[in-house]
Amino acid sequence: MAEPTFEEKLEDIFTPEVLERARKLFAGEITFLRGVPRLQDLPEAMPCEVAFAGRSNVGKSSLLNALGGRKNLARTSSTPGRTRELNFFAVGEKLCLVDMPGYGYAKADKALVEGWQTLLKNYLRGRRELKRVFVLVDSRHGLKSADLEMMDLLDGSAVNYQIVLTKADKIKPSALTKVIDSVKAAISKRAAAHPRLHVTSSERGDGLAELRAEMVLLSDLA
């Protein structure tokens, strides 16, 4: 019997029932809880937190807005490094999304960068309810040194993470396939990396339903 294809495996995981539950959840109320510049300001934890990390200008805010079907859920900016806090959003009663500060922006003030890094490290290592970090990677560029550094931090913190390729509409299918293969090879050697990738486009909506479903399945386990 032939090995199931990648698409067939996804269909077994993200069933129509799961996809519909995820659609309804994200179509409902999404509440901004607070921005957290210091660890002591963290809100009371919900059963399942998932965080979104990525290099500055990777399209993180656009992806969060697209996931929630809203224009202003997360602020977008042409200025890299705008997000300087951990921003918490409640989705229903069990799921919390955490928008993490962008990393890898060399022009940011050194003191600010060090402050973000300290906040991130302390949050990652001390938040029991954090079930997964989605590491966003620009499809046009693949993994960069800053992404590898973040993956090192997550591996060292024993935090489960999963790669989400963004801006898939900006690259040719053949080139996208090469990037996917390259990323899969890289994460296969990583202890805390989830093997399944999500390939997304905030503009076209590619992969958003499956990413929502991934979060619903995580919250089911919480």
N, C-alpha and C. Protein backbone atom coordinates (compact mmCIF):
# COMPACT_ATOMS: atom_id res chain seq x y z
N MET A 1 0.85 -1.20 0.00
CA MET A 1 0.00 0.00 0.00
C MET A 1 0.88 1.25 0.00
N ALA A 2 0.51 2.22 -0.84
CA ALA A 2 1.32 3.43 -0.96
C ALA A 2 1.25 4.26 0.32
N GLU A 3 2.35 4.92 0.64
CA GLU A 3 2.41 5.82 1.78
C GLU A 3 1.47 7.00 1.55
N PRO A 4 0.64 7.39 2.54
CA PRO A 4 -0.26 8.52 2.37
C PRO A 4 0.50 9.79 2.00
N THR A 5 -0.09 10.59 1.14
CA THR A 5 0.52 11.86 0.76
C THR A 5 0.40 12.85 1.91
N PHE A 6 1.16 13.95 1.81
CA PHE A 6 1.11 15.00 2.82
C PHE A 6 -0.31 15.53 2.97
N GLU A 7 -1.00 15.74 1.83
CA GLU A 7 -2.37 16.27 1.85
C GLU A 7 -3.33 15.29 2.52
N GLU A 8 -3.14 13.98 2.24
CA GLU A 8 -4.01 12.98 2.85
C GLU A 8 -3.82 12.92 4.36
N LYS A 9 -2.57 13.07 4.81
CA LYS A 9 -2.31 13.07 6.24
C LYS A 9 -2.99 14.26 6.92
N LEU A 10 -2.96 15.42 6.26
CA LEU A 10 -3.61 16.60 6.81
C LEU A 10 -5.12 16.40 6.90
N GLU A 11 -5.70 15.74 5.90
CA GLU A 11 -7.14 15.50 5.91
C GLU A 11 -7.53 14.61 7.08
N ASP A 12 -6.66 13.68 7.45
CA ASP A 12 -6.94 12.82 8.59
C ASP A 12 -6.89 13.59 9.90
N ILE A 13 -6.05 14.60 9.98
CA ILE A 13 -5.89 15.38 11.20
C ILE A 13 -6.91 16.51 11.27
N PHE A 14 -6.98 17.30 10.20
CA PHE A 14 -7.88 18.45 10.16
C PHE A 14 -9.17 18.06 9.44
N THR A 15 -9.99 17.34 10.15
CA THR A 15 -11.25 16.85 9.59
C THR A 15 -12.22 18.01 9.39
N PRO A 16 -13.27 17.82 8.59
CA PRO A 16 -14.27 18.89 8.41
C PRO A 16 -14.85 19.37 9.74
N GLU A 17 -15.02 18.45 10.70
CA GLU A 17 -15.58 18.83 11.99
C GLU A 17 -14.63 19.76 12.75
N VAL A 18 -13.34 19.43 12.72
CA VAL A 18 -12.34 20.26 13.41
C VAL A 18 -12.21 21.61 12.72
N LEU A 19 -12.19 21.61 11.40
CA LEU A 19 -12.08 22.87 10.65
C LEU A 19 -13.26 23.78 10.94
N GLU A 20 -14.45 23.20 11.05
CA GLU A 20 -15.64 24.01 11.30
C GLU A 20 -15.64 24.55 12.73
N ARG A 21 -15.21 23.75 13.68
CA ARG A 21 -15.11 24.25 15.05
C ARG A 21 -14.13 25.41 15.14
N ALA A 22 -13.02 25.27 14.42
CA ALA A 22 -12.01 26.33 14.42
C ALA A 22 -12.54 27.59 13.77
N ARG A 23 -13.26 27.42 12.68
CA ARG A 23 -13.83 28.59 11.99
C ARG A 23 -14.77 29.35 12.91
N LYS A 24 -15.64 28.62 13.60
CA LYS A 24 -16.60 29.26 14.49
C LYS A 24 -15.91 29.94 15.67
N LEU A 25 -14.88 29.29 16.19
CA LEU A 25 -14.17 29.88 17.33
C LEU A 25 -13.56 31.22 16.95
N PHE A 26 -12.86 31.27 15.82
CA PHE A 26 -12.18 32.50 15.43
C PHE A 26 -13.12 33.54 14.84
N ALA A 27 -14.34 33.12 14.47
CA ALA A 27 -15.34 34.08 14.02
C ALA A 27 -16.05 34.73 15.20
N GLY A 28 -15.86 34.16 16.38
CA GLY A 28 -16.47 34.70 17.58
C GLY A 28 -15.64 35.81 18.19
N GLU A 29 -15.87 36.04 19.45
CA GLU A 29 -15.21 37.16 20.14
C GLU A 29 -13.73 36.88 20.37
N ILE A 30 -12.90 37.85 20.00
CA ILE A 30 -11.47 37.82 20.29
C ILE A 30 -11.16 39.10 21.05
N THR A 31 -10.67 38.94 22.25
CA THR A 31 -10.51 40.08 23.15
C THR A 31 -9.04 40.35 23.43
N PHE A 32 -8.62 41.60 23.23
CA PHE A 32 -7.28 42.00 23.62
C PHE A 32 -7.23 42.11 25.14
N LEU A 33 -6.33 41.36 25.75
CA LEU A 33 -6.23 41.35 27.20
C LEU A 33 -5.31 42.44 27.71
N ARG A 34 -4.06 42.41 27.26
CA ARG A 34 -3.12 43.46 27.65
C ARG A 34 -1.79 43.29 26.92
N GLY A 35 -1.03 44.38 26.89
CA GLY A 35 0.34 44.33 26.43
C GLY A 35 1.24 44.24 27.66
N VAL A 36 2.23 43.37 27.59
CA VAL A 36 3.05 43.08 28.76
C VAL A 36 4.51 43.44 28.48
N PRO A 37 5.01 44.53 29.08
CA PRO A 37 6.41 44.90 28.91
C PRO A 37 7.32 44.24 29.95
N ARG A 38 6.72 43.73 31.04
CA ARG A 38 7.49 43.12 32.12
C ARG A 38 6.81 41.82 32.54
N LEU A 39 7.62 40.87 32.98
CA LEU A 39 7.09 39.56 33.32
C LEU A 39 6.04 39.63 34.44
N GLN A 40 6.20 40.53 35.37
CA GLN A 40 5.27 40.62 36.48
C GLN A 40 3.90 41.14 36.05
N ASP A 41 3.78 41.62 34.81
CA ASP A 41 2.51 42.13 34.31
C ASP A 41 1.71 41.09 33.54
N LEU A 42 2.17 39.84 33.51
CA LEU A 42 1.48 38.80 32.76
C LEU A 42 0.04 38.65 33.24
N PRO A 43 -0.92 38.47 32.32
CA PRO A 43 -2.30 38.24 32.74
C PRO A 43 -2.46 36.84 33.32
N GLU A 44 -3.57 36.62 33.98
CA GLU A 44 -3.87 35.27 34.48
C GLU A 44 -3.92 34.31 33.31
N ALA A 45 -3.26 33.18 33.45
CA ALA A 45 -3.12 32.26 32.32
C ALA A 45 -4.44 31.59 31.98
N MET A 46 -4.68 31.42 30.67
CA MET A 46 -5.79 30.61 30.20
C MET A 46 -5.28 29.18 30.02
N PRO A 47 -6.16 28.19 29.85
CA PRO A 47 -5.71 26.80 29.77
C PRO A 47 -4.69 26.53 28.66
N CYS A 48 -4.83 27.24 27.53
CA CYS A 48 -3.93 26.99 26.40
C CYS A 48 -3.45 28.31 25.82
N GLU A 49 -2.13 28.53 25.87
CA GLU A 49 -1.53 29.69 25.22
C GLU A 49 -0.69 29.22 24.05
N VAL A 50 -0.80 29.93 22.94
CA VAL A 50 0.07 29.70 21.80
C VAL A 50 0.67 31.04 21.41
N ALA A 51 1.96 31.06 21.16
CA ALA A 51 2.66 32.31 20.87
C ALA A 51 3.12 32.34 19.43
N PHE A 52 3.20 33.54 18.88
CA PHE A 52 3.66 33.75 17.51
C PHE A 52 4.93 34.58 17.55
N ALA A 53 5.99 34.02 16.97
CA ALA A 53 7.28 34.69 16.93
C ALA A 53 7.76 34.76 15.49
N GLY A 54 8.62 35.72 15.20
CA GLY A 54 9.16 35.82 13.85
C GLY A 54 10.05 37.03 13.70
N ARG A 55 10.87 37.01 12.67
CA ARG A 55 11.71 38.16 12.39
C ARG A 55 10.84 39.36 12.07
N SER A 56 11.35 40.54 12.37
CA SER A 56 10.62 41.75 12.07
C SER A 56 10.25 41.80 10.59
N ASN A 57 9.02 42.19 10.33
CA ASN A 57 8.49 42.31 8.97
C ASN A 57 8.24 40.97 8.29
N VAL A 58 8.09 39.90 9.08
CA VAL A 58 7.80 38.59 8.50
C VAL A 58 6.32 38.46 8.13
N GLY A 59 5.51 39.41 8.60
CA GLY A 59 4.08 39.35 8.32
C GLY A 59 3.27 38.79 9.48
N LYS A 60 3.82 38.93 10.68
CA LYS A 60 3.15 38.34 11.86
C LYS A 60 1.82 39.02 12.16
N SER A 61 1.81 40.34 12.18
CA SER A 61 0.57 41.06 12.47
C SER A 61 -0.47 40.79 11.40
N SER A 62 -0.06 40.75 10.15
CA SER A 62 -1.00 40.48 9.06
C SER A 62 -1.60 39.08 9.20
N LEU A 63 -0.77 38.12 9.61
CA LEU A 63 -1.26 36.75 9.78
C LEU A 63 -2.26 36.68 10.93
N LEU A 64 -1.95 37.33 12.06
CA LEU A 64 -2.87 37.32 13.19
C LEU A 64 -4.20 37.97 12.82
N ASN A 65 -4.14 39.07 12.09
CA ASN A 65 -5.37 39.72 11.64
C ASN A 65 -6.17 38.81 10.72
N ALA A 66 -5.49 38.12 9.82
CA ALA A 66 -6.17 37.22 8.89
C ALA A 66 -6.77 36.02 9.62
N LEU A 67 -6.07 35.49 10.59
CA LEU A 67 -6.60 34.37 11.36
C LEU A 67 -7.89 34.75 12.08
N GLY A 68 -7.92 35.97 12.60
CA GLY A 68 -9.09 36.44 13.32
C GLY A 68 -10.15 37.08 12.44
N GLY A 69 -9.85 37.22 11.14
CA GLY A 69 -10.81 37.83 10.24
C GLY A 69 -11.09 39.28 10.57
N ARG A 70 -10.09 39.96 11.11
CA ARG A 70 -10.23 41.35 11.52
C ARG A 70 -9.08 42.17 10.96
N LYS A 71 -9.32 43.45 10.76
CA LYS A 71 -8.29 44.31 10.19
C LYS A 71 -7.34 44.86 11.25
N ASN A 72 -7.81 44.99 12.47
CA ASN A 72 -7.01 45.67 13.48
C ASN A 72 -6.82 44.86 14.74
N LEU A 73 -6.86 43.53 14.62
CA LEU A 73 -6.59 42.70 15.80
C LEU A 73 -5.18 42.96 16.30
N ALA A 74 -4.22 42.86 15.39
CA ALA A 74 -2.83 43.20 15.69
C ALA A 74 -2.42 44.33 14.78
N ARG A 75 -1.71 45.30 15.31
CA ARG A 75 -1.31 46.46 14.52
C ARG A 75 -0.22 46.09 13.54
N THR A 76 -0.43 46.47 12.28
CA THR A 76 0.59 46.27 11.27
C THR A 76 1.33 47.58 11.04
N SER A 77 2.58 47.44 10.64
CA SER A 77 3.40 48.63 10.43
C SER A 77 4.47 48.34 9.40
N SER A 78 4.82 49.37 8.62
CA SER A 78 5.93 49.23 7.69
C SER A 78 7.27 49.40 8.39
N THR A 79 7.20 49.77 9.67
CA THR A 79 8.42 49.95 10.46
C THR A 79 8.73 48.69 11.25
N PRO A 80 9.78 47.97 10.90
CA PRO A 80 10.11 46.74 11.64
C PRO A 80 10.37 47.02 13.11
N GLY A 81 10.01 46.04 13.94
CA GLY A 81 10.30 46.16 15.36
C GLY A 81 9.29 46.97 16.14
N ARG A 82 8.09 47.17 15.58
CA ARG A 82 7.11 47.99 16.28
C ARG A 82 6.58 47.29 17.54
N THR A 83 6.33 45.98 17.44
CA THR A 83 5.81 45.26 18.59
C THR A 83 6.91 45.13 19.64
N ARG A 84 6.71 45.75 20.79
CA ARG A 84 7.75 45.77 21.83
C ARG A 84 7.27 45.15 23.12
N GLU A 85 6.13 44.50 23.09
CA GLU A 85 5.57 43.85 24.26
C GLU A 85 5.06 42.47 23.88
N LEU A 86 4.73 41.68 24.89
CA LEU A 86 3.95 40.47 24.66
C LEU A 86 2.49 40.88 24.68
N ASN A 87 1.80 40.73 23.56
CA ASN A 87 0.40 41.12 23.48
C ASN A 87 -0.49 39.89 23.54
N PHE A 88 -1.43 39.87 24.48
CA PHE A 88 -2.27 38.71 24.75
C PHE A 88 -3.69 38.93 24.23
N PHE A 89 -4.22 37.92 23.52
CA PHE A 89 -5.57 37.97 22.96
C PHE A 89 -6.32 36.69 23.35
N ALA A 90 -7.47 36.85 23.97
CA ALA A 90 -8.29 35.70 24.34
C ALA A 90 -9.21 35.33 23.18
N VAL A 91 -9.18 34.06 22.79
CA VAL A 91 -10.06 33.53 21.74
C VAL A 91 -10.97 32.52 22.41
N GLY A 92 -12.19 32.91 22.70
CA GLY A 92 -13.07 32.03 23.44
C GLY A 92 -12.63 31.93 24.89
N GLU A 93 -12.92 30.80 25.51
CA GLU A 93 -12.68 30.64 26.94
C GLU A 93 -11.41 29.88 27.28
N LYS A 94 -10.82 29.18 26.29
CA LYS A 94 -9.67 28.33 26.61
C LYS A 94 -8.37 28.75 25.93
N LEU A 95 -8.48 29.46 24.80
CA LEU A 95 -7.31 29.72 23.96
C LEU A 95 -6.86 31.17 24.05
N CYS A 96 -5.56 31.36 24.21
CA CYS A 96 -4.98 32.69 24.24
C CYS A 96 -3.86 32.77 23.21
N LEU A 97 -3.89 33.79 22.36
CA LEU A 97 -2.82 34.03 21.39
C LEU A 97 -1.88 35.08 21.97
N VAL A 98 -0.59 34.85 21.79
CA VAL A 98 0.41 35.78 22.29
C VAL A 98 1.27 36.27 21.13
N ASP A 99 1.21 37.55 20.87
CA ASP A 99 1.99 38.19 19.82
C ASP A 99 3.31 38.64 20.44
N MET A 100 4.40 37.97 20.05
CA MET A 100 5.71 38.25 20.64
C MET A 100 6.44 39.32 19.83
N PRO A 101 7.36 40.05 20.46
CA PRO A 101 8.14 41.06 19.73
C PRO A 101 8.93 40.44 18.59
N GLY A 102 9.02 41.16 17.48
CA GLY A 102 9.82 40.69 16.36
C GLY A 102 11.30 40.66 16.73
N TYR A 103 12.02 39.75 16.12
CA TYR A 103 13.45 39.63 16.42
C TYR A 103 14.26 39.81 15.14
N GLY A 104 15.56 40.00 15.30
CA GLY A 104 16.45 40.08 14.16
C GLY A 104 16.51 41.42 13.47
N TYR A 105 16.04 42.47 14.15
CA TYR A 105 16.10 43.80 13.53
C TYR A 105 17.29 44.56 14.10
N ALA A 106 18.34 44.64 13.33
CA ALA A 106 19.62 45.15 13.82
C ALA A 106 19.58 46.63 14.20
N LYS A 107 18.66 47.42 13.59
CA LYS A 107 18.66 48.85 13.83
C LYS A 107 17.94 49.26 15.11
N ALA A 108 17.29 48.30 15.77
CA ALA A 108 16.60 48.62 17.01
C ALA A 108 17.63 48.98 18.08
N ASP A 109 17.22 49.84 19.01
CA ASP A 109 18.10 50.25 20.10
C ASP A 109 18.57 49.02 20.88
N LYS A 110 19.87 48.97 21.17
CA LYS A 110 20.46 47.80 21.81
C LYS A 110 19.82 47.51 23.16
N ALA A 111 19.57 48.54 23.93
CA ALA A 111 18.97 48.34 25.25
C ALA A 111 17.56 47.76 25.13
N LEU A 112 16.81 48.23 24.11
CA LEU A 112 15.48 47.69 23.89
C LEU A 112 15.54 46.23 23.50
N VAL A 113 16.46 45.90 22.59
CA VAL A 113 16.61 44.52 22.15
C VAL A 113 16.93 43.61 23.33
N GLU A 114 17.84 44.03 24.17
CA GLU A 114 18.21 43.23 25.34
C GLU A 114 17.02 43.05 26.28
N GLY A 115 16.22 44.10 26.40
CA GLY A 115 15.03 44.01 27.24
C GLY A 115 14.02 43.01 26.69
N TRP A 116 13.81 43.05 25.36
CA TRP A 116 12.89 42.10 24.73
C TRP A 116 13.39 40.68 24.92
N GLN A 117 14.68 40.48 24.72
CA GLN A 117 15.25 39.14 24.82
C GLN A 117 15.09 38.57 26.23
N THR A 118 15.31 39.41 27.22
CA THR A 118 15.15 38.96 28.61
C THR A 118 13.70 38.59 28.89
N LEU A 119 12.78 39.42 28.43
CA LEU A 119 11.35 39.16 28.62
C LEU A 119 10.95 37.84 27.94
N LEU A 120 11.41 37.65 26.72
CA LEU A 120 11.07 36.44 25.97
C LEU A 120 11.61 35.19 26.67
N LYS A 121 12.85 35.23 27.06
CA LYS A 121 13.47 34.06 27.70
C LYS A 121 12.74 33.70 28.98
N ASN A 122 12.44 34.69 29.80
CA ASN A 122 11.75 34.43 31.06
C ASN A 122 10.34 33.91 30.82
N TYR A 123 9.66 34.46 29.83
CA TYR A 123 8.31 34.00 29.52
C TYR A 123 8.34 32.56 29.01
N LEU A 124 9.23 32.27 28.08
CA LEU A 124 9.29 30.93 27.49
C LEU A 124 9.60 29.86 28.53
N ARG A 125 10.47 30.20 29.46
CA ARG A 125 10.91 29.19 30.43
C ARG A 125 9.98 29.05 31.62
N GLY A 126 9.09 30.02 31.80
CA GLY A 126 8.29 29.99 33.02
C GLY A 126 6.79 29.88 32.84
N ARG A 127 6.30 29.76 31.62
CA ARG A 127 4.86 29.76 31.38
C ARG A 127 4.38 28.34 31.10
N ARG A 128 3.85 27.69 32.10
CA ARG A 128 3.43 26.29 31.98
C ARG A 128 2.31 26.11 30.95
N GLU A 129 1.45 27.12 30.82
CA GLU A 129 0.30 27.01 29.92
C GLU A 129 0.66 27.23 28.45
N LEU A 130 1.90 27.61 28.18
CA LEU A 130 2.34 27.82 26.80
C LEU A 130 2.51 26.46 26.12
N LYS A 131 1.63 26.14 25.20
CA LYS A 131 1.63 24.81 24.57
C LYS A 131 2.46 24.75 23.30
N ARG A 132 2.59 25.88 22.61
CA ARG A 132 3.38 25.86 21.37
C ARG A 132 3.73 27.29 20.96
N VAL A 133 4.88 27.41 20.33
CA VAL A 133 5.28 28.67 19.70
C VAL A 133 5.30 28.44 18.19
N PHE A 134 4.57 29.26 17.48
CA PHE A 134 4.61 29.23 16.02
C PHE A 134 5.68 30.20 15.56
N VAL A 135 6.72 29.68 14.93
CA VAL A 135 7.83 30.50 14.44
C VAL A 135 7.56 30.81 12.98
N LEU A 136 7.32 32.09 12.70
CA LEU A 136 6.98 32.50 11.34
C LEU A 136 8.24 32.75 10.54
N VAL A 137 8.26 32.22 9.32
CA VAL A 137 9.41 32.34 8.42
C VAL A 137 8.92 32.79 7.06
N ASP A 138 9.53 33.82 6.53
CA ASP A 138 9.17 34.35 5.21
C ASP A 138 9.52 33.31 4.14
N SER A 139 8.51 32.90 3.37
CA SER A 139 8.72 31.89 2.33
C SER A 139 9.77 32.30 1.31
N ARG A 140 9.91 33.59 1.10
CA ARG A 140 10.84 34.08 0.07
C ARG A 140 12.29 33.94 0.50
N HIS A 141 12.53 33.82 1.81
CA HIS A 141 13.90 33.83 2.31
C HIS A 141 14.30 32.55 3.03
N GLY A 142 13.33 31.77 3.49
CA GLY A 142 13.66 30.58 4.26
C GLY A 142 14.25 30.93 5.61
N LEU A 143 14.86 29.96 6.26
CA LEU A 143 15.43 30.16 7.58
C LEU A 143 16.67 31.05 7.52
N LYS A 144 16.69 32.06 8.37
CA LYS A 144 17.83 32.95 8.50
C LYS A 144 18.50 32.73 9.86
N SER A 145 19.64 33.35 10.05
CA SER A 145 20.39 33.13 11.28
C SER A 145 19.57 33.51 12.52
N ALA A 146 18.78 34.58 12.41
CA ALA A 146 17.96 34.99 13.55
C ALA A 146 16.90 33.93 13.87
N ASP A 147 16.36 33.27 12.84
CA ASP A 147 15.40 32.20 13.07
C ASP A 147 16.07 31.02 13.78
N LEU A 148 17.26 30.70 13.36
CA LEU A 148 17.99 29.59 13.97
C LEU A 148 18.31 29.89 15.44
N GLU A 149 18.62 31.15 15.73
CA GLU A 149 18.88 31.55 17.12
C GLU A 149 17.61 31.39 17.96
N MET A 150 16.47 31.78 17.41
CA MET A 150 15.21 31.60 18.13
C MET A 150 14.92 30.11 18.35
N MET A 151 15.18 29.30 17.34
CA MET A 151 14.97 27.86 17.47
C MET A 151 15.90 27.27 18.53
N ASP A 152 17.13 27.77 18.60
CA ASP A 152 18.07 27.33 19.64
C ASP A 152 17.50 27.65 21.03
N LEU A 153 16.94 28.87 21.16
CA LEU A 153 16.37 29.29 22.43
C LEU A 153 15.20 28.39 22.82
N LEU A 154 14.34 28.06 21.85
CA LEU A 154 13.18 27.22 22.12
C LEU A 154 13.60 25.79 22.45
N ASP A 155 14.60 25.27 21.72
CA ASP A 155 15.12 23.94 22.03
C ASP A 155 15.68 23.92 23.45
N GLY A 156 16.46 24.96 23.79
CA GLY A 156 17.06 25.03 25.10
C GLY A 156 16.06 25.20 26.22
N SER A 157 14.91 25.82 25.89
CA SER A 157 13.86 26.03 26.89
C SER A 157 12.87 24.88 26.92
N ALA A 158 13.06 23.90 26.04
CA ALA A 158 12.16 22.74 25.94
C ALA A 158 10.73 23.17 25.65
N VAL A 159 10.58 24.16 24.77
CA VAL A 159 9.27 24.64 24.36
C VAL A 159 8.97 24.12 22.96
N ASN A 160 7.86 23.41 22.82
CA ASN A 160 7.47 22.88 21.52
C ASN A 160 7.17 24.01 20.55
N TYR A 161 7.71 23.92 19.33
CA TYR A 161 7.46 24.97 18.34
C TYR A 161 7.22 24.38 16.97
N GLN A 162 6.63 25.19 16.12
CA GLN A 162 6.22 24.75 14.80
C GLN A 162 6.45 25.88 13.80
N ILE A 163 6.99 25.54 12.64
CA ILE A 163 7.29 26.56 11.64
C ILE A 163 6.05 26.89 10.82
N VAL A 164 5.81 28.18 10.62
CA VAL A 164 4.74 28.66 9.74
C VAL A 164 5.38 29.51 8.65
N LEU A 165 5.30 29.06 7.43
CA LEU A 165 5.82 29.85 6.31
C LEU A 165 4.78 30.90 5.93
N THR A 166 5.20 32.15 5.83
CA THR A 166 4.30 33.25 5.47
C THR A 166 4.57 33.70 4.03
N LYS A 167 3.63 34.49 3.52
CA LYS A 167 3.76 35.14 2.21
C LYS A 167 3.99 34.12 1.09
N ALA A 168 3.29 32.99 1.15
CA ALA A 168 3.44 31.94 0.14
C ALA A 168 2.98 32.39 -1.24
N ASP A 169 2.18 33.45 -1.28
CA ASP A 169 1.70 33.97 -2.56
C ASP A 169 2.78 34.81 -3.27
N LYS A 170 3.86 35.09 -2.58
CA LYS A 170 4.91 35.96 -3.15
C LYS A 170 6.05 35.18 -3.80
N ILE A 171 5.90 33.87 -3.89
CA ILE A 171 6.99 33.04 -4.40
C ILE A 171 6.42 32.00 -5.36
N LYS A 172 7.19 31.62 -6.35
CA LYS A 172 6.74 30.63 -7.32
C LYS A 172 6.62 29.26 -6.65
N PRO A 173 5.66 28.45 -7.10
CA PRO A 173 5.45 27.13 -6.48
C PRO A 173 6.70 26.26 -6.44
N SER A 174 7.50 26.28 -7.51
CA SER A 174 8.71 25.44 -7.53
C SER A 174 9.71 25.90 -6.47
N ALA A 175 9.84 27.23 -6.31
CA ALA A 175 10.75 27.77 -5.30
C ALA A 175 10.21 27.49 -3.90
N LEU A 176 8.90 27.56 -3.75
CA LEU A 176 8.28 27.29 -2.45
C LEU A 176 8.54 25.84 -2.03
N THR A 177 8.45 24.93 -2.96
CA THR A 177 8.72 23.52 -2.66
C THR A 177 10.13 23.33 -2.14
N LYS A 178 11.09 24.03 -2.72
CA LYS A 178 12.48 23.92 -2.27
C LYS A 178 12.64 24.46 -0.86
N VAL A 179 11.96 25.56 -0.56
CA VAL A 179 12.03 26.14 0.78
C VAL A 179 11.41 25.18 1.79
N ILE A 180 10.28 24.59 1.45
CA ILE A 180 9.62 23.64 2.34
C ILE A 180 10.54 22.46 2.64
N ASP A 181 11.16 21.93 1.60
CA ASP A 181 12.08 20.79 1.79
C ASP A 181 13.27 21.17 2.66
N SER A 182 13.78 22.37 2.45
CA SER A 182 14.93 22.84 3.22
C SER A 182 14.58 23.01 4.70
N VAL A 183 13.41 23.58 4.96
CA VAL A 183 12.98 23.79 6.34
C VAL A 183 12.71 22.45 7.02
N LYS A 184 12.08 21.54 6.31
CA LYS A 184 11.81 20.21 6.89
C LYS A 184 13.10 19.51 7.28
N ALA A 185 14.11 19.64 6.42
CA ALA A 185 15.40 19.01 6.72
C ALA A 185 16.03 19.63 7.96
N ALA A 186 15.89 20.95 8.09
CA ALA A 186 16.49 21.65 9.23
C ALA A 186 15.82 21.28 10.55
N ILE A 187 14.49 21.21 10.55
CA ILE A 187 13.79 20.95 11.81
C ILE A 187 13.82 19.47 12.19
N SER A 188 14.15 18.60 11.25
CA SER A 188 14.22 17.17 11.57
C SER A 188 15.31 16.87 12.59
N LYS A 189 16.25 17.78 12.73
CA LYS A 189 17.36 17.60 13.66
C LYS A 189 17.13 18.35 14.98
N ARG A 190 15.96 18.93 15.13
CA ARG A 190 15.66 19.77 16.29
C ARG A 190 14.76 19.04 17.27
N ALA A 191 15.18 19.03 18.54
CA ALA A 191 14.48 18.24 19.55
C ALA A 191 13.07 18.74 19.82
N ALA A 192 12.86 20.04 19.83
CA ALA A 192 11.56 20.58 20.24
C ALA A 192 10.68 20.98 19.06
N ALA A 193 11.16 20.76 17.83
CA ALA A 193 10.41 21.19 16.65
C ALA A 193 9.35 20.18 16.26
N HIS A 194 8.15 20.67 15.99
CA HIS A 194 7.08 19.83 15.46
C HIS A 194 7.34 19.58 13.98
N PRO A 195 7.17 18.37 13.50
CA PRO A 195 7.53 18.07 12.11
C PRO A 195 6.59 18.65 11.06
N ARG A 196 5.37 19.02 11.45
CA ARG A 196 4.41 19.50 10.47
C ARG A 196 4.57 21.00 10.24
N LEU A 197 4.64 21.41 8.97
CA LEU A 197 4.72 22.82 8.61
C LEU A 197 3.33 23.35 8.25
N HIS A 198 3.18 24.67 8.40
CA HIS A 198 2.00 25.34 7.87
C HIS A 198 2.48 26.35 6.83
N VAL A 199 1.90 26.31 5.67
CA VAL A 199 2.26 27.21 4.57
C VAL A 199 1.09 28.16 4.37
N THR A 200 1.32 29.46 4.57
CA THR A 200 0.21 30.40 4.63
C THR A 200 0.41 31.62 3.72
N SER A 201 -0.72 32.23 3.42
CA SER A 201 -0.75 33.54 2.76
C SER A 201 -1.86 34.34 3.41
N SER A 202 -1.51 35.44 4.05
CA SER A 202 -2.53 36.29 4.67
C SER A 202 -3.43 36.93 3.64
N GLU A 203 -2.89 37.21 2.45
CA GLU A 203 -3.67 37.87 1.40
C GLU A 203 -4.65 36.91 0.73
N ARG A 204 -4.21 35.70 0.42
CA ARG A 204 -5.07 34.74 -0.27
C ARG A 204 -5.83 33.83 0.68
N GLY A 205 -5.40 33.78 1.93
CA GLY A 205 -6.05 32.92 2.89
C GLY A 205 -5.52 31.50 2.92
N ASP A 206 -4.45 31.24 2.19
CA ASP A 206 -3.89 29.89 2.14
C ASP A 206 -3.47 29.42 3.53
N GLY A 207 -3.85 28.21 3.90
CA GLY A 207 -3.37 27.59 5.12
C GLY A 207 -3.95 28.11 6.42
N LEU A 208 -4.81 29.13 6.37
CA LEU A 208 -5.32 29.72 7.60
C LEU A 208 -6.28 28.78 8.33
N ALA A 209 -7.11 28.08 7.58
CA ALA A 209 -8.08 27.17 8.20
C ALA A 209 -7.36 26.07 8.97
N GLU A 210 -6.29 25.54 8.38
CA GLU A 210 -5.54 24.47 9.04
C GLU A 210 -4.78 24.98 10.27
N LEU A 211 -4.29 26.21 10.19
CA LEU A 211 -3.58 26.78 11.34
C LEU A 211 -4.54 27.04 12.50
N ARG A 212 -5.74 27.52 12.18
CA ARG A 212 -6.76 27.67 13.22
C ARG A 212 -7.08 26.32 13.84
N ALA A 213 -7.22 25.30 12.99
CA ALA A 213 -7.55 23.96 13.48
C ALA A 213 -6.44 23.41 14.36
N GLU A 214 -5.21 23.70 14.02
CA GLU A 214 -4.08 23.25 14.84
C GLU A 214 -4.22 23.79 16.26
N MET A 215 -4.60 25.05 16.38
CA MET A 215 -4.74 25.67 17.69
C MET A 215 -5.93 25.10 18.45
N VAL A 216 -7.00 24.79 17.75
CA VAL A 216 -8.16 24.17 18.40
C VAL A 216 -7.79 22.80 18.95
N LEU A 217 -7.04 22.02 18.20
CA LEU A 217 -6.62 20.71 18.68
C LEU A 217 -5.71 20.83 19.90
N LEU A 218 -4.86 21.84 19.92
CA LEU A 218 -4.01 22.08 21.10
C LEU A 218 -4.86 22.43 22.32
N SER A 219 -5.86 23.28 22.10
CA SER A 219 -6.72 23.67 23.22
C SER A 219 -7.56 22.51 23.71
N ASP A 220 -7.87 21.55 22.85
CA ASP A 220 -8.62 20.36 23.27
C ASP A 220 -7.83 19.54 24.28
N LEU A 221 -6.53 19.61 24.20
CA LEU A 221 -5.65 18.83 25.08
C LEU A 221 -5.39 19.53 26.41
N ALA A 222 -5.72 20.82 26.46
CA ALA A 222 -5.42 21.61 27.67
C ALA A 222 -6.40 21.31 28.80
